[in-house]
PDB file of N, CA and C in Angstrom:
ATOM      1  N   MET A   1      32.154  35.698 -90.052  1.00  0.00           N
ATOM      2  CA  MET A   1      33.526  35.056 -90.063  1.00  0.00           C
ATOM      3  C   MET A   1      34.323  35.279 -89.036  1.00  0.00           C
ATOM      4  N   GLU A   2      33.942  36.507 -88.564  1.00  0.00           N
ATOM      5  CA  GLU A   2      34.786  37.181 -86.924  1.00  0.00           C
ATOM      6  C   GLU A   2      34.262  36.038 -85.710  1.00  0.00           C
ATOM      7  N   TYR A   3      33.093  35.677 -85.791  1.00  0.00           N
ATOM      8  CA  TYR A   3      32.471  34.673 -85.028  1.00  0.00           C
ATOM      9  C   TYR A   3      33.626  33.269 -84.963  1.00  0.00           C
ATOM     10  N   PHE A   4      33.566  32.854 -86.060  1.00  0.00           N
ATOM     11  CA  PHE A   4      34.314  31.312 -86.415  1.00  0.00           C
ATOM     12  C   PHE A   4      35.767  31.671 -85.884  1.00  0.00           C
ATOM     13  N   ASN A   5      36.354  32.959 -86.164  1.00  0.00           N
ATOM     14  CA  ASN A   5      37.679  32.949 -85.689  1.00  0.00           C
ATOM     15  C   ASN A   5      37.917  33.284 -84.548  1.00  0.00           C
ATOM     16  N   LYS A   6      36.999  33.793 -83.574  1.00  0.00           N
ATOM     17  CA  LYS A   6      37.358  33.463 -82.115  1.00  0.00           C
ATOM     18  C   LYS A   6      36.913  32.574 -81.740  1.00  0.00           C
ATOM     19  N   ASP A   7      35.991  31.730 -82.135  1.00  0.00           N
ATOM     20  CA  ASP A   7      35.826  30.333 -81.831  1.00  0.00           C
ATOM     21  C   ASP A   7      36.877  29.450 -81.626  1.00  0.00           C
ATOM     22  N   ASP A   8      37.332  29.352 -83.179  1.00  0.00           N
ATOM     23  CA  ASP A   8      38.649  28.737 -83.034  1.00  0.00           C
ATOM     24  C   ASP A   8      40.027  29.236 -82.424  1.00  0.00           C
ATOM     25  N   LYS A   9      39.854  30.305 -82.013  1.00  0.00           N
ATOM     26  CA  LYS A   9      41.066  30.794 -81.127  1.00  0.00           C
ATOM     27  C   LYS A   9      40.777  30.500 -79.807  1.00  0.00           C
ATOM     28  N   TYR A  10      39.648  30.292 -79.600  1.00  0.00           N
ATOM     29  CA  TYR A  10      39.185  29.448 -78.045  1.00  0.00           C
ATOM     30  C   TYR A  10      39.448  27.942 -78.207  1.00  0.00           C
ATOM     31  N   TYR A  11      39.392  27.460 -79.183  1.00  0.00           N
ATOM     32  CA  TYR A  11      39.732  26.227 -79.201  1.00  0.00           C
ATOM     33  C   TYR A  11      40.938  25.732 -79.087  1.00  0.00           C
ATOM     34  N   ARG A  12      41.819  26.561 -79.915  1.00  0.00           N
ATOM     35  CA  ARG A  12      43.448  26.170 -79.819  1.00  0.00           C
ATOM     36  C   ARG A  12      43.800  26.795 -78.555  1.00  0.00           C
ATOM     37  N   ALA A  13      43.199  27.818 -78.126  1.00  0.00           N
ATOM     38  CA  ALA A  13      43.598  28.230 -76.571  1.00  0.00           C
ATOM     39  C   ALA A  13      43.571  26.921 -75.508  1.00  0.00           C
ATOM     40  N   LYS A  14      42.287  26.418 -75.607  1.00  0.00           N
ATOM     41  CA  LYS A  14      41.971  25.545 -74.761  1.00  0.00           C
ATOM     42  C   LYS A  14      42.821  24.102 -75.047  1.00  0.00           C
ATOM     43  N   GLU A  15      43.549  23.906 -76.203  1.00  0.00           N
ATOM     44  CA  GLU A  15      43.922  22.666 -76.696  1.00  0.00           C
ATOM     45  C   GLU A  15      45.549  23.253 -76.011  1.00  0.00           C
ATOM     46  N   LYS A  16      46.224  24.302 -76.069  1.00  0.00           N
ATOM     47  CA  LYS A  16      47.356  24.753 -75.604  1.00  0.00           C
ATOM     48  C   LYS A  16      47.284  24.322 -74.025  1.00  0.00           C
ATOM     49  N   LEU A  17      46.183  24.907 -73.534  1.00  0.00           N
ATOM     50  CA  LEU A  17      46.030  24.639 -72.029  1.00  0.00           C
ATOM     51  C   LEU A  17      46.031  23.194 -71.517  1.00  0.00           C
ATOM     52  N   GLN A  18      45.389  22.417 -72.208  1.00  0.00           N
ATOM     53  CA  GLN A  18      45.570  21.045 -71.926  1.00  0.00           C
ATOM     54  C   GLN A  18      46.711  20.579 -72.386  1.00  0.00           C
ATOM     55  N   GLU A  19      47.892  20.810 -73.115  1.00  0.00           N
ATOM     56  CA  GLU A  19      48.855  20.001 -73.430  1.00  0.00           C
ATOM     57  C   GLU A  19      49.790  20.690 -72.091  1.00  0.00           C
ATOM     58  N   ILE A  20      49.691  21.731 -71.886  1.00  0.00           N
ATOM     59  CA  ILE A  20      50.310  22.530 -70.331  1.00  0.00           C
ATOM     60  C   ILE A  20      50.187  21.719 -69.205  1.00  0.00           C
ATOM     61  N   LYS A  21      48.951  21.563 -68.869  1.00  0.00           N
ATOM     62  CA  LYS A  21      48.271  20.645 -67.779  1.00  0.00           C
ATOM     63  C   LYS A  21      49.072  19.318 -68.001  1.00  0.00           C
ATOM     64  N   LYS A  22      48.951  18.675 -68.945  1.00  0.00           N
ATOM     65  CA  LYS A  22      49.385  17.352 -69.339  1.00  0.00           C
ATOM     66  C   LYS A  22      50.936  17.297 -68.988  1.00  0.00           C
ATOM     67  N   PHE A  23      51.736  18.400 -69.610  1.00  0.00           N
ATOM     68  CA  PHE A  23      53.066  18.208 -68.927  1.00  0.00           C
ATOM     69  C   PHE A  23      53.239  18.637 -67.488  1.00  0.00           C
ATOM     70  N   TYR A  24      52.776  19.135 -66.860  1.00  0.00           N
ATOM     71  CA  TYR A  24      52.912  19.389 -65.441  1.00  0.00           C
ATOM     72  C   TYR A  24      52.619  18.226 -64.753  1.00  0.00           C
ATOM     73  N   MET A  25      51.423  17.455 -65.083  1.00  0.00           N
ATOM     74  CA  MET A  25      51.127  16.119 -64.630  1.00  0.00           C
ATOM     75  C   MET A  25      52.251  15.258 -64.870  1.00  0.00           C
ATOM     76  N   SER A  26      52.628  15.305 -66.036  1.00  0.00           N
ATOM     77  CA  SER A  26      54.152  14.355 -66.442  1.00  0.00           C
ATOM     78  C   SER A  26      55.060  14.597 -65.391  1.00  0.00           C
ATOM     79  N   LEU A  27      55.146  16.161 -65.315  1.00  0.00           N
ATOM     80  CA  LEU A  27      56.361  16.400 -64.270  1.00  0.00           C
ATOM     81  C   LEU A  27      56.447  16.017 -62.914  1.00  0.00           C
ATOM     82  N   LEU A  28      55.056  16.113 -62.352  1.00  0.00           N
ATOM     83  CA  LEU A  28      54.740  15.621 -61.047  1.00  0.00           C
ATOM     84  C   LEU A  28      54.934  14.033 -61.162  1.00  0.00           C
ATOM     85  N   SER A  29      54.404  13.216 -61.745  1.00  0.00           N
ATOM     86  CA  SER A  29      54.707  11.846 -62.057  1.00  0.00           C
ATOM     87  C   SER A  29      56.417  11.786 -61.804  1.00  0.00           C
ATOM     88  N   TYR A  30      56.936  11.958 -62.811  1.00  0.00           N
ATOM     89  CA  TYR A  30      58.329  11.979 -62.669  1.00  0.00           C
ATOM     90  C   TYR A  30      59.209  12.269 -61.343  1.00  0.00           C
ATOM     91  N   ILE A  31      58.752  13.399 -61.008  1.00  0.00           N
ATOM     92  CA  ILE A  31      59.418  13.526 -59.857  1.00  0.00           C
ATOM     93  C   ILE A  31      59.064  12.436 -58.164  1.00  0.00           C
ATOM     94  N   ILE A  32      57.882  12.215 -58.598  1.00  0.00           N
ATOM     95  CA  ILE A  32      57.187  11.232 -57.373  1.00  0.00           C
ATOM     96  C   ILE A  32      57.776   9.742 -57.499  1.00  0.00           C
ATOM     97  N   PHE A  33      58.103   9.627 -59.106  1.00  0.00           N
ATOM     98  CA  PHE A  33      58.552   8.055 -59.295  1.00  0.00           C
ATOM     99  C   PHE A  33      60.074   8.193 -58.990  1.00  0.00           C
ATOM    100  N   MET A  34      60.868   9.337 -59.337  1.00  0.00           N
ATOM    101  CA  MET A  34      62.361   9.268 -59.276  1.00  0.00           C
ATOM    102  C   MET A  34      62.533   9.180 -57.999  1.00  0.00           C
ATOM    103  N   ILE A  35      61.648  10.015 -57.019  1.00  0.00           N
ATOM    104  CA  ILE A  35      61.971   9.735 -55.700  1.00  0.00           C
ATOM    105  C   ILE A  35      61.892   8.352 -55.021  1.00  0.00           C
ATOM    106  N   PHE A  36      60.880   7.575 -55.397  1.00  0.00           N
ATOM    107  CA  PHE A  36      60.636   6.166 -54.956  1.00  0.00           C
ATOM    108  C   PHE A  36      61.523   5.231 -55.476  1.00  0.00           C
ATOM    109  N   LEU A  37      62.117   5.557 -56.930  1.00  0.00           N
ATOM    110  CA  LEU A  37      63.188   4.935 -57.531  1.00  0.00           C
ATOM    111  C   LEU A  37      64.564   5.087 -56.874  1.00  0.00           C
ATOM    112  N   ALA A  38      65.146   6.424 -56.219  1.00  0.00           N
ATOM    113  CA  ALA A  38      66.119   6.448 -55.627  1.00  0.00           C
ATOM    114  C   ALA A  38      66.099   6.105 -54.291  1.00  0.00           C
ATOM    115  N   THR A  39      65.101   6.111 -53.633  1.00  0.00           N
ATOM    116  CA  THR A  39      64.623   5.175 -52.394  1.00  0.00           C
ATOM    117  C   THR A  39      65.044   3.807 -52.589  1.00  0.00           C
ATOM    118  N   ILE A  40      64.628   3.101 -53.250  1.00  0.00           N
ATOM    119  CA  ILE A  40      64.773   1.882 -53.845  1.00  0.00           C
ATOM    120  C   ILE A  40      66.177   1.621 -53.799  1.00  0.00           C
ATOM    121  N   ASN A  41      66.813   2.410 -54.589  1.00  0.00           N
ATOM    122  CA  ASN A  41      68.556   2.729 -55.122  1.00  0.00           C
ATOM    123  C   ASN A  41      69.111   2.473 -53.737  1.00  0.00           C
ATOM    124  N   TYR A  42      68.526   3.469 -52.774  1.00  0.00           N
ATOM    125  CA  TYR A  42      69.364   3.587 -51.703  1.00  0.00           C
ATOM    126  C   TYR A  42      69.403   2.409 -50.979  1.00  0.00           C
ATOM    127  N   TYR A  43      68.469   1.967 -50.664  1.00  0.00           N
ATOM    128  CA  TYR A  43      68.232   0.658 -49.713  1.00  0.00           C
ATOM    129  C   TYR A  43      68.613  -0.731 -50.065  1.00  0.00           C
ATOM    130  N   THR A  44      68.820  -0.498 -51.435  1.00  0.00           N
ATOM    131  CA  THR A  44      69.453  -1.738 -51.571  1.00  0.00           C
ATOM    132  C   THR A  44      71.014  -1.778 -52.110  1.00  0.00           C
ATOM    133  N   ASN A  45      71.626  -0.761 -52.298  1.00  0.00           N
ATOM    134  CA  ASN A  45      72.989  -0.779 -52.425  1.00  0.00           C
ATOM    135  C   ASN A  45      73.938   0.588 -52.175  1.00  0.00           C
ATOM    136  N   GLN A  46      73.115   1.618 -51.303  1.00  0.00           N
ATOM    137  CA  GLN A  46      73.794   2.541 -50.818  1.00  0.00           C
ATOM    138  C   GLN A  46      74.108   3.558 -51.770  1.00  0.00           C
ATOM    139  N   PHE A  47      73.486   3.760 -52.856  1.00  0.00           N
ATOM    140  CA  PHE A  47      73.849   4.367 -54.189  1.00  0.00           C
ATOM    141  C   PHE A  47      75.361   4.121 -54.675  1.00  0.00           C
ATOM    142  N   ARG A  48      76.020   3.094 -54.504  1.00  0.00           N
ATOM    143  CA  ARG A  48      77.158   2.452 -55.145  1.00  0.00           C
ATOM    144  C   ARG A  48      77.002   2.471 -56.435  1.00  0.00           C
ATOM    145  N   TYR A  49      75.944   2.176 -56.631  1.00  0.00           N
ATOM    146  CA  TYR A  49      75.713   2.224 -58.484  1.00  0.00           C
ATOM    147  C   TYR A  49      74.499   2.598 -58.805  1.00  0.00           C
ATOM    148  N   ALA A  50      74.375   4.179 -59.260  1.00  0.00           N
ATOM    149  CA  ALA A  50      72.912   4.886 -59.064  1.00  0.00           C
ATOM    150  C   ALA A  50      72.081   4.427 -60.241  1.00  0.00           C
ATOM    151  N   TRP A  51      71.785   3.391 -60.327  1.00  0.00           N
ATOM    152  CA  TRP A  51      70.994   2.925 -61.532  1.00  0.00           C
ATOM    153  C   TRP A  51      69.884   3.662 -61.765  1.00  0.00           C
ATOM    154  N   PHE A  52      68.973   4.474 -60.695  1.00  0.00           N
ATOM    155  CA  PHE A  52      67.798   5.037 -61.049  1.00  0.00           C
ATOM    156  C   PHE A  52      68.250   6.127 -61.758  1.00  0.00           C
ATOM    157  N   LEU A  53      69.416   6.599 -62.253  1.00  0.00           N
ATOM    158  CA  LEU A  53      69.831   7.769 -62.728  1.00  0.00           C
ATOM    159  C   LEU A  53      69.258   7.600 -64.280  1.00  0.00           C
ATOM    160  N   TRP A  54      69.665   6.242 -64.697  1.00  0.00           N
ATOM    161  CA  TRP A  54      69.243   5.702 -66.305  1.00  0.00           C
ATOM    162  C   TRP A  54      67.846   5.803 -66.543  1.00  0.00           C
ATOM    163  N   ALA A  55      66.779   5.664 -65.617  1.00  0.00           N
ATOM    164  CA  ALA A  55      65.503   5.818 -65.558  1.00  0.00           C
ATOM    165  C   ALA A  55      65.094   7.489 -65.873  1.00  0.00           C
ATOM    166  N   ALA A  56      65.814   8.354 -64.917  1.00  0.00           N
ATOM    167  CA  ALA A  56      65.963   9.391 -64.866  1.00  0.00           C
ATOM    168  C   ALA A  56      66.152  10.189 -66.146  1.00  0.00           C
ATOM    169  N   LEU A  57      67.013   9.734 -66.567  1.00  0.00           N
ATOM    170  CA  LEU A  57      67.962  10.303 -68.091  1.00  0.00           C
ATOM    171  C   LEU A  57      66.694   9.909 -68.925  1.00  0.00           C
ATOM    172  N   GLY A  58      66.585   8.814 -69.320  1.00  0.00           N
ATOM    173  CA  GLY A  58      65.498   8.442 -70.312  1.00  0.00           C
ATOM    174  C   GLY A  58      64.386   8.990 -70.386  1.00  0.00           C
ATOM    175  N   TRP A  59      63.649   9.100 -69.062  1.00  0.00           N
ATOM    176  CA  TRP A  59      62.333   9.812 -68.861  1.00  0.00           C
ATOM    177  C   TRP A  59      62.509  11.324 -68.843  1.00  0.00           C
ATOM    178  N   GLY A  60      63.513  11.676 -68.336  1.00  0.00           N
ATOM    179  CA  GLY A  60      63.796  13.027 -68.886  1.00  0.00           C
ATOM    180  C   GLY A  60      63.892  13.923 -70.005  1.00  0.00           C
ATOM    181  N   ILE A  61      64.642  12.648 -71.025  1.00  0.00           N
ATOM    182  CA  ILE A  61      64.605  13.299 -72.123  1.00  0.00           C
ATOM    183  C   ILE A  61      63.168  13.416 -73.027  1.00  0.00           C
ATOM    184  N   GLY A  62      62.192  12.173 -72.501  1.00  0.00           N
ATOM    185  CA  GLY A  62      60.761  12.362 -72.952  1.00  0.00           C
ATOM    186  C   GLY A  62      60.111  13.561 -72.145  1.00  0.00           C
ATOM    187  N   LEU A  63      60.306  13.875 -71.320  1.00  0.00           N
ATOM    188  CA  LEU A  63      59.852  14.978 -70.433  1.00  0.00           C
ATOM    189  C   LEU A  63      60.185  16.422 -71.228  1.00  0.00           C
ATOM    190  N   PHE A  64      61.633  16.478 -71.558  1.00  0.00           N
ATOM    191  CA  PHE A  64      61.965  17.445 -72.176  1.00  0.00           C
ATOM    192  C   PHE A  64      61.035  18.011 -73.432  1.00  0.00           C
ATOM    193  N   PHE A  65      61.130  17.168 -74.354  1.00  0.00           N
ATOM    194  CA  PHE A  65      60.336  16.912 -75.593  1.00  0.00           C
ATOM    195  C   PHE A  65      59.002  17.666 -75.616  1.00  0.00           C
ATOM    196  N   GLN A  66      58.382  17.021 -74.648  1.00  0.00           N
ATOM    197  CA  GLN A  66      57.071  17.228 -74.038  1.00  0.00           C
ATOM    198  C   GLN A  66      56.932  18.946 -73.736  1.00  0.00           C
ATOM    199  N   ALA A  67      57.881  19.112 -72.741  1.00  0.00           N
ATOM    200  CA  ALA A  67      57.986  20.388 -72.408  1.00  0.00           C
ATOM    201  C   ALA A  67      58.143  21.372 -73.642  1.00  0.00           C
ATOM    202  N   ALA A  68      58.858  21.215 -74.575  1.00  0.00           N
ATOM    203  CA  ALA A  68      59.440  21.846 -75.727  1.00  0.00           C
ATOM    204  C   ALA A  68      57.790  22.119 -76.712  1.00  0.00           C
ATOM    205  N   LYS A  69      57.240  20.969 -76.777  1.00  0.00           N
ATOM    206  CA  LYS A  69      55.972  21.107 -77.504  1.00  0.00           C
ATOM    207  C   LYS A  69      55.033  21.866 -76.754  1.00  0.00           C
ATOM    208  N   ALA A  70      54.925  21.707 -75.543  1.00  0.00           N
ATOM    209  CA  ALA A  70      53.809  22.460 -74.755  1.00  0.00           C
ATOM    210  C   ALA A  70      54.251  23.874 -74.591  1.00  0.00           C
ATOM    211  N   PHE A  71      55.215  24.482 -74.596  1.00  0.00           N
ATOM    212  CA  PHE A  71      55.684  25.844 -74.152  1.00  0.00           C
ATOM    213  C   PHE A  71      56.125  26.387 -75.895  1.00  0.00           C
ATOM    214  N   ASP A  72      56.275  25.670 -76.775  1.00  0.00           N
ATOM    215  CA  ASP A  72      56.683  26.074 -78.064  1.00  0.00           C
ATOM    216  C   ASP A  72      58.164  26.711 -78.074  1.00  0.00           C
ATOM    217  N   TRP A  73      58.853  25.659 -77.452  1.00  0.00           N
ATOM    218  CA  TRP A  73      60.548  26.130 -77.478  1.00  0.00           C
ATOM    219  C   TRP A  73      61.127  25.542 -78.776  1.00  0.00           C
ATOM    220  N   ILE A  74      60.592  24.542 -79.182  1.00  0.00           N
ATOM    221  CA  ILE A  74      60.991  24.128 -80.809  1.00  0.00           C
ATOM    222  C   ILE A  74      59.768  24.400 -81.517  1.00  0.00           C
ATOM    223  N   ASN A  75      59.938  25.443 -82.448  1.00  0.00           N
ATOM    224  CA  ASN A  75      58.593  25.282 -83.185  1.00  0.00           C
ATOM    225  C   ASN A  75      59.164  25.435 -84.909  1.00  0.00           C
ATOM    226  N   TRP A  76      59.958  24.318 -85.104  1.00  0.00           N
ATOM    227  CA  TRP A  76      60.336  24.103 -86.455  1.00  0.00           C
ATOM    228  C   TRP A  76      59.259  23.169 -87.309  1.00  0.00           C
ATOM    229  N   PHE A  77      58.303  22.820 -86.608  1.00  0.00           N
ATOM    230  CA  PHE A  77      57.300  21.959 -86.851  1.00  0.00           C
ATOM    231  C   PHE A  77      56.064  22.450 -86.911  1.00  0.00           C
ATOM    232  N   SER A  78      56.036  23.801 -86.686  1.00  0.00           N
ATOM    233  CA  SER A  78      54.714  24.422 -86.323  1.00  0.00           C
ATOM    234  C   SER A  78      53.839  24.723 -87.468  1.00  0.00           C
ATOM    235  N   LYS A  79      52.695  25.225 -87.367  1.00  0.00           N
ATOM    236  CA  LYS A  79      51.570  25.377 -88.473  1.00  0.00           C
ATOM    237  C   LYS A  79      52.085  26.386 -89.428  1.00  0.00           C
ATOM    238  N   ASP A  80      53.016  27.344 -88.698  1.00  0.00           N
ATOM    239  CA  ASP A  80      53.353  28.381 -89.452  1.00  0.00           C
ATOM    240  C   ASP A  80      54.577  28.187 -90.433  1.00  0.00           C
ATOM    241  N   TRP A  81      55.392  27.087 -89.961  1.00  0.00           N
ATOM    242  CA  TRP A  81      56.344  26.149 -90.681  1.00  0.00           C
ATOM    243  C   TRP A  81      55.659  25.565 -91.753  1.00  0.00           C
ATOM    244  N   GLU A  82      54.748  24.980 -91.737  1.00  0.00           N
ATOM    245  CA  GLU A  82      53.967  24.080 -92.630  1.00  0.00           C
ATOM    246  C   GLU A  82      53.458  24.848 -93.419  1.00  0.00           C
ATOM    247  N   ALA A  83      52.768  26.327 -93.247  1.00  0.00           N
ATOM    248  CA  ALA A  83      52.342  27.014 -94.160  1.00  0.00           C
ATOM    249  C   ALA A  83      53.330  27.235 -95.320  1.00  0.00           C
ATOM    250  N   ARG A  84      54.605  28.114 -94.831  1.00  0.00           N
ATOM    251  CA  ARG A  84      55.632  28.528 -95.296  1.00  0.00           C
ATOM    252  C   ARG A  84      56.117  27.517 -96.485  1.00  0.00           C
ATOM    253  N   LYS A  85      56.668  25.972 -95.838  1.00  0.00           N
ATOM    254  CA  LYS A  85      56.990  25.100 -96.874  1.00  0.00           C
ATOM    255  C   LYS A  85      56.057  24.695 -97.891  1.00  0.00           C
ATOM    256  N   ILE A  86      54.551  24.758 -97.432  1.00  0.00           N
ATOM    257  CA  ILE A  86      53.565  24.568 -98.694  1.00  0.00           C
ATOM    258  C   ILE A  86      53.711  25.743 -99.833  1.00  0.00           C
ATOM    259  N   LYS A  87      53.798  26.703 -99.438  1.00  0.00           N
ATOM    260  CA  LYS A  87      53.918  28.092 -99.916  1.00  0.00           C
ATOM    261  C   LYS A  87      55.202  27.664-101.006  1.00  0.00           C
ATOM    262  N   GLU A  88      56.327  27.415-100.516  1.00  0.00           N
ATOM    263  CA  GLU A  88      57.721  27.234-100.984  1.00  0.00           C
ATOM    264  C   GLU A  88      57.353  25.930-102.113  1.00  0.00           C
ATOM    265  N   PHE A  89      56.940  24.984-101.988  1.00  0.00           N
ATOM    266  CA  PHE A  89      56.568  23.820-103.020  1.00  0.00           C
ATOM    267  C   PHE A  89      55.905  24.183-103.825  1.00  0.00           C
ATOM    268  N   MET A  90      54.584  25.097-103.331  1.00  0.00           N
ATOM    269  CA  MET A  90      53.762  25.442-104.484  1.00  0.00           C
ATOM    270  C   MET A  90      54.453  26.294-105.464  1.00  0.00           C
ATOM    271  N   ASP A  91      55.318  27.462-104.932  1.00  0.00           N
ATOM    272  CA  ASP A  91      55.942  28.127-105.724  1.00  0.00           C
ATOM    273  C   ASP A  91      57.054  27.139-106.783  1.00  0.00           C
ATOM    274  N   ASN A  92      57.651  26.454-106.236  1.00  0.00           N
ATOM    275  CA  ASN A  92      58.346  25.730-106.720  1.00  0.00           C
ATOM    276  C   ASN A  92      57.958  24.957-108.144  1.00  0.00           C
ATOM    277  N   ASP A  93      56.920  24.505-108.043  1.00  0.00           N
ATOM    278  CA  ASP A  93      55.857  24.037-108.849  1.00  0.00           C
ATOM    279  C   ASP A  93      55.862  24.546-109.959  1.00  0.00           C
ATOM    280  N   ARG A  94      55.127  25.975-109.770  1.00  0.00           N
ATOM    281  CA  ARG A  94      54.898  26.708-110.692  1.00  0.00           C
ATOM    282  C   ARG A  94      56.234  27.384-111.670  1.00  0.00           C
ATOM    283  N   GLU A  95      57.127  27.492-111.084  1.00  0.00           N
ATOM    284  CA  GLU A  95      58.579  27.509-111.719  1.00  0.00           C
ATOM    285  C   GLU A  95      58.892  26.787-112.451  1.00  0.00           C
ATOM    286  N   ASP A  96      58.752  25.184-112.131  1.00  0.00           N
ATOM    287  CA  ASP A  96      58.937  24.231-112.965  1.00  0.00           C
ATOM    288  C   ASP A  96      58.222  24.118-114.148  1.00  0.00           C
ATOM    289  N   GLU A  97      56.750  24.236-113.662  1.00  0.00           N
ATOM    290  CA  GLU A  97      55.989  24.176-114.869  1.00  0.00           C
ATOM    291  C   GLU A  97      56.176  25.337-116.005  1.00  0.00           C
ATOM    292  N   SER A  98      56.434  26.493-115.674  1.00  0.00           N
ATOM    293  CA  SER A  98      56.799  27.542-116.145  1.00  0.00           C
ATOM    294  C   SER A  98      58.054  27.459-117.439  1.00  0.00           C
ATOM    295  N   GLN A  99      58.695  26.436-116.992  1.00  0.00           N
ATOM    296  CA  GLN A  99      59.979  26.178-117.616  1.00  0.00           C
ATOM    297  C   GLN A  99      60.047  25.252-118.876  1.00  0.00           C
ATOM    298  N   VAL A 100      58.839  24.388-118.384  1.00  0.00           N
ATOM    299  CA  VAL A 100      58.555  23.356-119.592  1.00  0.00           C
ATOM    300  C   VAL A 100      58.471  23.768-120.801  1.00  0.00           C
ATOM    301  N   ASN A 101      59.026  23.552-122.050  1.00  0.00           N
ATOM    302  CA  ASN A 101      58.826  23.807-123.224  1.00  0.00           C
ATOM    303  C   ASN A 101      58.494  22.494-124.055  1.00  0.00           C
ATOM    304  N   PHE A 102      57.197  22.502-124.790  1.00  0.00           N
ATOM    305  CA  PHE A 102      56.895  21.257-125.404  1.00  0.00           C
ATOM    306  C   PHE A 102      57.276  21.764-126.790  1.00  0.00           C
TER     307      PHE A 102
END
């Protein structure tokens, strides 16, 4: 059993590392593409209307949630939360069954 537990931890750690690498690649793409859009925006209208900021905002929101998932900033829906909710639902079902009188 110990062997499977270590193997499982290894695969979870490897999966977590892949999420973090994916985030950093997305961040790099974001930076490069926003510089490109800002350059186009500057040469078309000298930032009189900074339209590239709309793209930066939209993509930035997605990037924030990707970072939150990769670095566990938001763990409302983590495996631990799921386990607690399942246990809560099962306990509630047991209480409901025990209160039923035929």
